[in-house]
Amino acid sequence: MPASSISTAFSPSDILTPKELAARLKVKPGWIYEQMRPACKNPPPVLRVGRFLRFSWTAICEWLQAAPQAGNRRRTLR
């Protein structure tokens, strides 16, 4: 496939490492990795580059808008 026909939906400058994504979302990097576990019901969109995780900021913004909001759910104590 010629390089001129390849279209990217995001700019290379929008590719983030887990640490950079955590900084933008104002969460700890560990939270990012927790969301990537198989048990997570709605994991963030990820680009796997070998063993490395990379994230498209555009895709993350869309994921955040589409994600159901937790609201003010309270835990029930047993």
PDB file of N, CA and C in Angstrom:
ATOM      1  N   MET A   1       0.856  -1.186   0.000  1.00  0.00           N
ATOM      2  CA  MET A   1       0.000   0.000   0.000  1.00  0.00           C
ATOM      3  C   MET A   1       0.897   1.241   0.000  1.00  0.00           C
ATOM      4  N   PRO A   2       0.728   2.146  -0.946  1.00  0.00           N
ATOM      5  CA  PRO A   2       1.551   3.347  -0.988  1.00  0.00           C
ATOM      6  C   PRO A   2       1.327   4.213   0.245  1.00  0.00           C
ATOM      7  N   ALA A   3       2.385   4.858   0.694  1.00  0.00           N
ATOM      8  CA  ALA A   3       2.312   5.685   1.901  1.00  0.00           C
ATOM      9  C   ALA A   3       1.322   6.829   1.753  1.00  0.00           C
ATOM     10  N   SER A   4       1.122   7.322   0.527  1.00  0.00           N
ATOM     11  CA  SER A   4       0.213   8.450   0.327  1.00  0.00           C
ATOM     12  C   SER A   4      -1.247   8.071   0.552  1.00  0.00           C
ATOM     13  N   SER A   5      -1.575   6.757   0.439  1.00  0.00           N
ATOM     14  CA  SER A   5      -2.965   6.349   0.618  1.00  0.00           C
ATOM     15  C   SER A   5      -3.289   5.980   2.066  1.00  0.00           C
ATOM     16  N   ILE A   6      -2.284   5.958   2.940  1.00  0.00           N
ATOM     17  CA  ILE A   6      -2.518   5.640   4.343  1.00  0.00           C
ATOM     18  C   ILE A   6      -3.042   6.880   5.041  1.00  0.00           C
ATOM     19  N   SER A   7      -4.187   6.728   5.678  1.00  0.00           N
ATOM     20  CA  SER A   7      -4.809   7.832   6.400  1.00  0.00           C
ATOM     21  C   SER A   7      -4.780   7.537   7.885  1.00  0.00           C
ATOM     22  N   THR A   8      -4.382   8.520   8.681  1.00  0.00           N
ATOM     23  CA  THR A   8      -4.403   8.333  10.128  1.00  0.00           C
ATOM     24  C   THR A   8      -5.481   9.217  10.710  1.00  0.00           C
ATOM     25  N   ALA A   9      -6.175   8.696  11.702  1.00  0.00           N
ATOM     26  CA  ALA A   9      -7.261   9.431  12.338  1.00  0.00           C
ATOM     27  C   ALA A   9      -6.738  10.345  13.440  1.00  0.00           C
ATOM     28  N   PHE A  10      -5.456  10.304  13.682  1.00  0.00           N
ATOM     29  CA  PHE A  10      -4.876  11.115  14.738  1.00  0.00           C
ATOM     30  C   PHE A  10      -3.485  11.566  14.345  1.00  0.00           C
ATOM     31  N   SER A  11      -3.038  12.587  15.004  1.00  0.00           N
ATOM     32  CA  SER A  11      -1.709  13.121  14.761  1.00  0.00           C
ATOM     33  C   SER A  11      -0.708  12.337  15.612  1.00  0.00           C
ATOM     34  N   PRO A  12       0.485  12.088  15.119  1.00  0.00           N
ATOM     35  CA  PRO A  12       1.482  11.390  15.930  1.00  0.00           C
ATOM     36  C   PRO A  12       1.773  12.091  17.265  1.00  0.00           C
ATOM     37  N   SER A  13       1.569  13.390  17.315  1.00  0.00           N
ATOM     38  CA  SER A  13       1.798  14.110  18.576  1.00  0.00           C
ATOM     39  C   SER A  13       0.711  13.804  19.596  1.00  0.00           C
ATOM     40  N   ASP A  14      -0.391  13.189  19.153  1.00  0.00           N
ATOM     41  CA  ASP A  14      -1.473  12.818  20.056  1.00  0.00           C
ATOM     42  C   ASP A  14      -1.285  11.431  20.667  1.00  0.00           C
ATOM     43  N   ILE A  15      -0.189  10.754  20.348  1.00  0.00           N
ATOM     44  CA  ILE A  15       0.085   9.434  20.900  1.00  0.00           C
ATOM     45  C   ILE A  15       0.736   9.626  22.265  1.00  0.00           C
ATOM     46  N   LEU A  16       0.149   8.975  23.289  1.00  0.00           N
ATOM     47  CA  LEU A  16       0.600   9.164  24.664  1.00  0.00           C
ATOM     48  C   LEU A  16       1.056   7.851  25.289  1.00  0.00           C
ATOM     49  N   THR A  17       2.022   7.945  26.176  1.00  0.00           N
ATOM     50  CA  THR A  17       2.414   6.804  26.995  1.00  0.00           C
ATOM     51  C   THR A  17       1.429   6.719  28.162  1.00  0.00           C
ATOM     52  N   PRO A  18       1.405   5.610  28.881  1.00  0.00           N
ATOM     53  CA  PRO A  18       0.518   5.531  30.048  1.00  0.00           C
ATOM     54  C   PRO A  18       0.784   6.647  31.066  1.00  0.00           C
ATOM     55  N   LYS A  19       2.032   6.993  31.258  1.00  0.00           N
ATOM     56  CA  LYS A  19       2.374   8.058  32.213  1.00  0.00           C
ATOM     57  C   LYS A  19       1.843   9.413  31.738  1.00  0.00           C
ATOM     58  N   GLU A  20       1.990   9.696  30.444  1.00  0.00           N
ATOM     59  CA  GLU A  20       1.480  10.956  29.890  1.00  0.00           C
ATOM     60  C   GLU A  20      -0.044  11.014  29.951  1.00  0.00           C
ATOM     61  N   LEU A  21      -0.689   9.877  29.658  1.00  0.00           N
ATOM     62  CA  LEU A  21      -2.145   9.828  29.733  1.00  0.00           C
ATOM     63  C   LEU A  21      -2.615  10.062  31.165  1.00  0.00           C
ATOM     64  N   ALA A  22      -1.950   9.438  32.116  1.00  0.00           N
ATOM     65  CA  ALA A  22      -2.305   9.622  33.525  1.00  0.00           C
ATOM     66  C   ALA A  22      -2.185  11.096  33.920  1.00  0.00           C
ATOM     67  N   ALA A  23      -1.144  11.751  33.453  1.00  0.00           N
ATOM     68  CA  ALA A  23      -0.968  13.176  33.767  1.00  0.00           C
ATOM     69  C   ALA A  23      -2.101  14.010  33.178  1.00  0.00           C
ATOM     70  N   ARG A  24      -2.506  13.714  31.948  1.00  0.00           N
ATOM     71  CA  ARG A  24      -3.607  14.471  31.328  1.00  0.00           C
ATOM     72  C   ARG A  24      -4.929  14.238  32.028  1.00  0.00           C
ATOM     73  N   LEU A  25      -5.152  13.002  32.497  1.00  0.00           N
ATOM     74  CA  LEU A  25      -6.408  12.682  33.171  1.00  0.00           C
ATOM     75  C   LEU A  25      -6.365  12.993  34.667  1.00  0.00           C
ATOM     76  N   LYS A  26      -5.180  13.371  35.148  1.00  0.00           N
ATOM     77  CA  LYS A  26      -4.976  13.683  36.569  1.00  0.00           C
ATOM     78  C   LYS A  26      -5.304  12.485  37.453  1.00  0.00           C
ATOM     79  N   VAL A  27      -4.778  11.326  37.044  1.00  0.00           N
ATOM     80  CA  VAL A  27      -4.894  10.104  37.827  1.00  0.00           C
ATOM     81  C   VAL A  27      -3.495   9.497  37.949  1.00  0.00           C
ATOM     82  N   LYS A  28      -3.358   8.515  38.810  1.00  0.00           N
ATOM     83  CA  LYS A  28      -2.072   7.840  38.962  1.00  0.00           C
ATOM     84  C   LYS A  28      -1.868   6.877  37.792  1.00  0.00           C
ATOM     85  N   PRO A  29      -0.621   6.685  37.362  1.00  0.00           N
ATOM     86  CA  PRO A  29      -0.360   5.736  36.267  1.00  0.00           C
ATOM     87  C   PRO A  29      -0.894   4.337  36.562  1.00  0.00           C
ATOM     88  N   GLY A  30      -0.902   3.939  37.814  1.00  0.00           N
ATOM     89  CA  GLY A  30      -1.425   2.628  38.177  1.00  0.00           C
ATOM     90  C   GLY A  30      -2.884   2.460  37.793  1.00  0.00           C
ATOM     91  N   TRP A  31      -3.650   3.547  37.831  1.00  0.00           N
ATOM     92  CA  TRP A  31      -5.065   3.486  37.455  1.00  0.00           C
ATOM     93  C   TRP A  31      -5.199   3.127  35.978  1.00  0.00           C
ATOM     94  N   ILE A  32      -4.310   3.677  35.163  1.00  0.00           N
ATOM     95  CA  ILE A  32      -4.331   3.380  33.724  1.00  0.00           C
ATOM     96  C   ILE A  32      -4.123   1.880  33.518  1.00  0.00           C
ATOM     97  N   TYR A  33      -3.113   1.321  34.189  1.00  0.00           N
ATOM     98  CA  TYR A  33      -2.838  -0.099  34.039  1.00  0.00           C
ATOM     99  C   TYR A  33      -3.979  -0.956  34.578  1.00  0.00           C
ATOM    100  N   GLU A  34      -4.621  -0.526  35.653  1.00  0.00           N
ATOM    101  CA  GLU A  34      -5.766  -1.265  36.194  1.00  0.00           C
ATOM    102  C   GLU A  34      -6.900  -1.329  35.178  1.00  0.00           C
ATOM    103  N   GLN A  35      -7.107  -0.250  34.442  1.00  0.00           N
ATOM    104  CA  GLN A  35      -8.174  -0.210  33.445  1.00  0.00           C
ATOM    105  C   GLN A  35      -7.896  -1.120  32.252  1.00  0.00           C
ATOM    106  N   MET A  36      -6.658  -1.540  32.088  1.00  0.00           N
ATOM    107  CA  MET A  36      -6.276  -2.390  30.971  1.00  0.00           C
ATOM    108  C   MET A  36      -6.415  -3.875  31.306  1.00  0.00           C
ATOM    109  N   ARG A  37      -6.739  -4.206  32.545  1.00  0.00           N
ATOM    110  CA  ARG A  37      -6.871  -5.605  32.952  1.00  0.00           C
ATOM    111  C   ARG A  37      -8.084  -6.244  32.265  1.00  0.00           C
ATOM    112  N   PRO A  38      -8.017  -7.551  32.012  1.00  0.00           N
ATOM    113  CA  PRO A  38      -9.136  -8.236  31.351  1.00  0.00           C
ATOM    114  C   PRO A  38     -10.467  -8.118  32.102  1.00  0.00           C
ATOM    115  N   ALA A  39     -10.423  -7.937  33.406  1.00  0.00           N
ATOM    116  CA  ALA A  39     -11.658  -7.850  34.195  1.00  0.00           C
ATOM    117  C   ALA A  39     -12.392  -6.518  34.004  1.00  0.00           C
ATOM    118  N   CYS A  40     -11.737  -5.525  33.432  1.00  0.00           N
ATOM    119  CA  CYS A  40     -12.363  -4.213  33.232  1.00  0.00           C
ATOM    120  C   CYS A  40     -13.429  -4.320  32.140  1.00  0.00           C
ATOM    121  N   LYS A  41     -14.634  -3.836  32.441  1.00  0.00           N
ATOM    122  CA  LYS A  41     -15.753  -3.957  31.505  1.00  0.00           C
ATOM    123  C   LYS A  41     -15.685  -2.965  30.347  1.00  0.00           C
ATOM    124  N   ASN A  42     -15.045  -1.833  30.556  1.00  0.00           N
ATOM    125  CA  ASN A  42     -14.977  -0.815  29.506  1.00  0.00           C
ATOM    126  C   ASN A  42     -13.551  -0.243  29.463  1.00  0.00           C
ATOM    127  N   PRO A  43     -12.583  -1.030  28.963  1.00  0.00           N
ATOM    128  CA  PRO A  43     -11.201  -0.545  28.957  1.00  0.00           C
ATOM    129  C   PRO A  43     -11.004   0.597  27.961  1.00  0.00           C
ATOM    130  N   PRO A  44     -10.049   1.466  28.225  1.00  0.00           N
ATOM    131  CA  PRO A  44      -9.772   2.544  27.279  1.00  0.00           C
ATOM    132  C   PRO A  44      -9.181   1.977  25.984  1.00  0.00           C
ATOM    133  N   PRO A  45      -9.394   2.680  24.873  1.00  0.00           N
ATOM    134  CA  PRO A  45      -8.804   2.226  23.609  1.00  0.00           C
ATOM    135  C   PRO A  45      -7.287   2.333  23.673  1.00  0.00           C
ATOM    136  N   VAL A  46      -6.625   1.307  23.240  1.00  0.00           N
ATOM    137  CA  VAL A  46      -5.164   1.249  23.367  1.00  0.00           C
ATOM    138  C   VAL A  46      -4.541   0.844  22.040  1.00  0.00           C
ATOM    139  N   LEU A  47      -3.362   1.336  21.802  1.00  0.00           N
ATOM    140  CA  LEU A  47      -2.545   0.933  20.660  1.00  0.00           C
ATOM    141  C   LEU A  47      -1.389   0.127  21.241  1.00  0.00           C
ATOM    142  N   ARG A  48      -1.293  -1.108  20.872  1.00  0.00           N
ATOM    143  CA  ARG A  48      -0.199  -1.946  21.377  1.00  0.00           C
ATOM    144  C   ARG A  48       0.929  -1.926  20.351  1.00  0.00           C
ATOM    145  N   VAL A  49       2.080  -1.475  20.806  1.00  0.00           N
ATOM    146  CA  VAL A  49       3.276  -1.430  19.967  1.00  0.00           C
ATOM    147  C   VAL A  49       4.261  -2.412  20.599  1.00  0.00           C
ATOM    148  N   GLY A  50       4.197  -3.650  20.125  1.00  0.00           N
ATOM    149  CA  GLY A  50       4.972  -4.699  20.784  1.00  0.00           C
ATOM    150  C   GLY A  50       4.436  -4.885  22.191  1.00  0.00           C
ATOM    151  N   ARG A  51       5.291  -4.759  23.180  1.00  0.00           N
ATOM    152  CA  ARG A  51       4.849  -4.899  24.566  1.00  0.00           C
ATOM    153  C   ARG A  51       4.474  -3.569  25.196  1.00  0.00           C
ATOM    154  N   PHE A  52       4.565  -2.503  24.444  1.00  0.00           N
ATOM    155  CA  PHE A  52       4.300  -1.167  24.964  1.00  0.00           C
ATOM    156  C   PHE A  52       2.867  -0.736  24.688  1.00  0.00           C
ATOM    157  N   LEU A  53       2.288  -0.019  25.635  1.00  0.00           N
ATOM    158  CA  LEU A  53       0.948   0.536  25.481  1.00  0.00           C
ATOM    159  C   LEU A  53       1.066   1.992  25.069  1.00  0.00           C
ATOM    160  N   ARG A  54       0.287   2.380  24.084  1.00  0.00           N
ATOM    161  CA  ARG A  54       0.215   3.776  23.662  1.00  0.00           C
ATOM    162  C   ARG A  54      -1.252   4.118  23.478  1.00  0.00           C
ATOM    163  N   PHE A  55      -1.573   5.386  23.667  1.00  0.00           N
ATOM    164  CA  PHE A  55      -2.957   5.820  23.630  1.00  0.00           C
ATOM    165  C   PHE A  55      -3.101   7.017  22.702  1.00  0.00           C
ATOM    166  N   SER A  56      -4.186   7.028  21.935  1.00  0.00           N
ATOM    167  CA  SER A  56      -4.528   8.171  21.101  1.00  0.00           C
ATOM    168  C   SER A  56      -5.392   9.104  21.947  1.00  0.00           C
ATOM    169  N   TRP A  57      -4.975  10.341  22.108  1.00  0.00           N
ATOM    170  CA  TRP A  57      -5.732  11.283  22.918  1.00  0.00           C
ATOM    171  C   TRP A  57      -7.132  11.495  22.339  1.00  0.00           C
ATOM    172  N   THR A  58      -7.246  11.515  21.027  1.00  0.00           N
ATOM    173  CA  THR A  58      -8.549  11.673  20.373  1.00  0.00           C
ATOM    174  C   THR A  58      -9.467  10.506  20.740  1.00  0.00           C
ATOM    175  N   ALA A  59      -8.956   9.286  20.660  1.00  0.00           N
ATOM    176  CA  ALA A  59      -9.757   8.106  20.991  1.00  0.00           C
ATOM    177  C   ALA A  59     -10.118   8.090  22.477  1.00  0.00           C
ATOM    178  N   ILE A  60      -9.206   8.540  23.329  1.00  0.00           N
ATOM    179  CA  ILE A  60      -9.482   8.586  24.774  1.00  0.00           C
ATOM    180  C   ILE A  60     -10.601   9.584  25.056  1.00  0.00           C
ATOM    181  N   CYS A  61     -10.580  10.737  24.399  1.00  0.00           N
ATOM    182  CA  CYS A  61     -11.640  11.736  24.596  1.00  0.00           C
ATOM    183  C   CYS A  61     -12.993  11.171  24.185  1.00  0.00           C
ATOM    184  N   GLU A  62     -13.041  10.456  23.072  1.00  0.00           N
ATOM    185  CA  GLU A  62     -14.291   9.832  22.621  1.00  0.00           C
ATOM    186  C   GLU A  62     -14.740   8.760  23.611  1.00  0.00           C
ATOM    187  N   TRP A  63     -13.788   7.980  24.130  1.00  0.00           N
ATOM    188  CA  TRP A  63     -14.092   6.939  25.111  1.00  0.00           C
ATOM    189  C   TRP A  63     -14.677   7.556  26.383  1.00  0.00           C
ATOM    190  N   LEU A  64     -14.101   8.665  26.830  1.00  0.00           N
ATOM    191  CA  LEU A  64     -14.604   9.325  28.036  1.00  0.00           C
ATOM    192  C   LEU A  64     -16.027   9.846  27.837  1.00  0.00           C
ATOM    193  N   GLN A  65     -16.309  10.389  26.663  1.00  0.00           N
ATOM    194  CA  GLN A  65     -17.645  10.918  26.399  1.00  0.00           C
ATOM    195  C   GLN A  65     -18.680   9.807  26.297  1.00  0.00           C
ATOM    196  N   ALA A  66     -18.284   8.657  25.785  1.00  0.00           N
ATOM    197  CA  ALA A  66     -19.212   7.544  25.602  1.00  0.00           C
ATOM    198  C   ALA A  66     -19.371   6.687  26.857  1.00  0.00           C
ATOM    199  N   ALA A  67     -18.434   6.813  27.794  1.00  0.00           N
ATOM    200  CA  ALA A  67     -18.465   5.974  28.999  1.00  0.00           C
ATOM    201  C   ALA A  67     -19.649   6.344  29.882  1.00  0.00           C
ATOM    202  N   PRO A  68     -20.297   5.325  30.449  1.00  0.00           N
ATOM    203  CA  PRO A  68     -21.388   5.627  31.382  1.00  0.00           C
ATOM    204  C   PRO A  68     -20.832   6.322  32.621  1.00  0.00           C
ATOM    205  N   GLN A  69     -21.549   7.299  33.087  1.00  0.00           N
ATOM    206  CA  GLN A  69     -21.101   8.059  34.255  1.00  0.00           C
ATOM    207  C   GLN A  69     -21.509   7.336  35.528  1.00  0.00           C
ATOM    208  N   ALA A  70     -20.583   7.251  36.462  1.00  0.00           N
ATOM    209  CA  ALA A  70     -20.846   6.544  37.711  1.00  0.00           C
ATOM    210  C   ALA A  70     -21.769   7.377  38.626  1.00  0.00           C
ATOM    211  N   GLY A  71     -21.723   8.680  38.472  1.00  0.00           N
ATOM    212  CA  GLY A  71     -22.552   9.534  39.308  1.00  0.00           C
ATOM    213  C   GLY A  71     -22.149   9.461  40.764  1.00  0.00           C
ATOM    214  N   ASN A  72     -23.116   9.511  41.619  1.00  0.00           N
ATOM    215  CA  ASN A  72     -22.861   9.487  43.054  1.00  0.00           C
ATOM    216  C   ASN A  72     -23.299   8.157  43.653  1.00  0.00           C
ATOM    217  N   ARG A  73     -22.871   7.085  43.063  1.00  0.00           N
ATOM    218  CA  ARG A  73     -23.217   5.776  43.614  1.00  0.00           C
ATOM    219  C   ARG A  73     -22.568   5.618  44.971  1.00  0.00           C
ATOM    220  N   ARG A  74     -23.323   5.035  45.879  1.00  0.00           N
ATOM    221  CA  ARG A  74     -22.781   4.773  47.201  1.00  0.00           C
ATOM    222  C   ARG A  74     -22.597   3.280  47.374  1.00  0.00           C
ATOM    223  N   ARG A  75     -21.576   2.942  48.102  1.00  0.00           N
ATOM    224  CA  ARG A  75     -21.358   1.531  48.397  1.00  0.00           C
ATOM    225  C   ARG A  75     -22.346   1.094  49.462  1.00  0.00           C
ATOM    226  N   THR A  76     -22.806  -0.104  49.295  1.00  0.00           N
ATOM    227  CA  THR A  76     -23.684  -0.645  50.338  1.00  0.00           C
ATOM    228  C   THR A  76     -22.814  -1.482  51.276  1.00  0.00           C
ATOM    229  N   LEU A  77     -22.938  -1.209  52.535  1.00  0.00           N
ATOM    230  CA  LEU A  77     -22.164  -1.940  53.524  1.00  0.00           C
ATOM    231  C   LEU A  77     -22.951  -3.159  53.973  1.00  0.00           C
ATOM    232  N   ARG A  78     -22.263  -4.251  54.087  1.00  0.00           N
ATOM    233  CA  ARG A  78     -22.925  -5.497  54.520  1.00  0.00           C
ATOM    234  C   ARG A  78     -22.521  -5.836  55.917  1.00  0.00           C
TER     235      ARG A  78
END
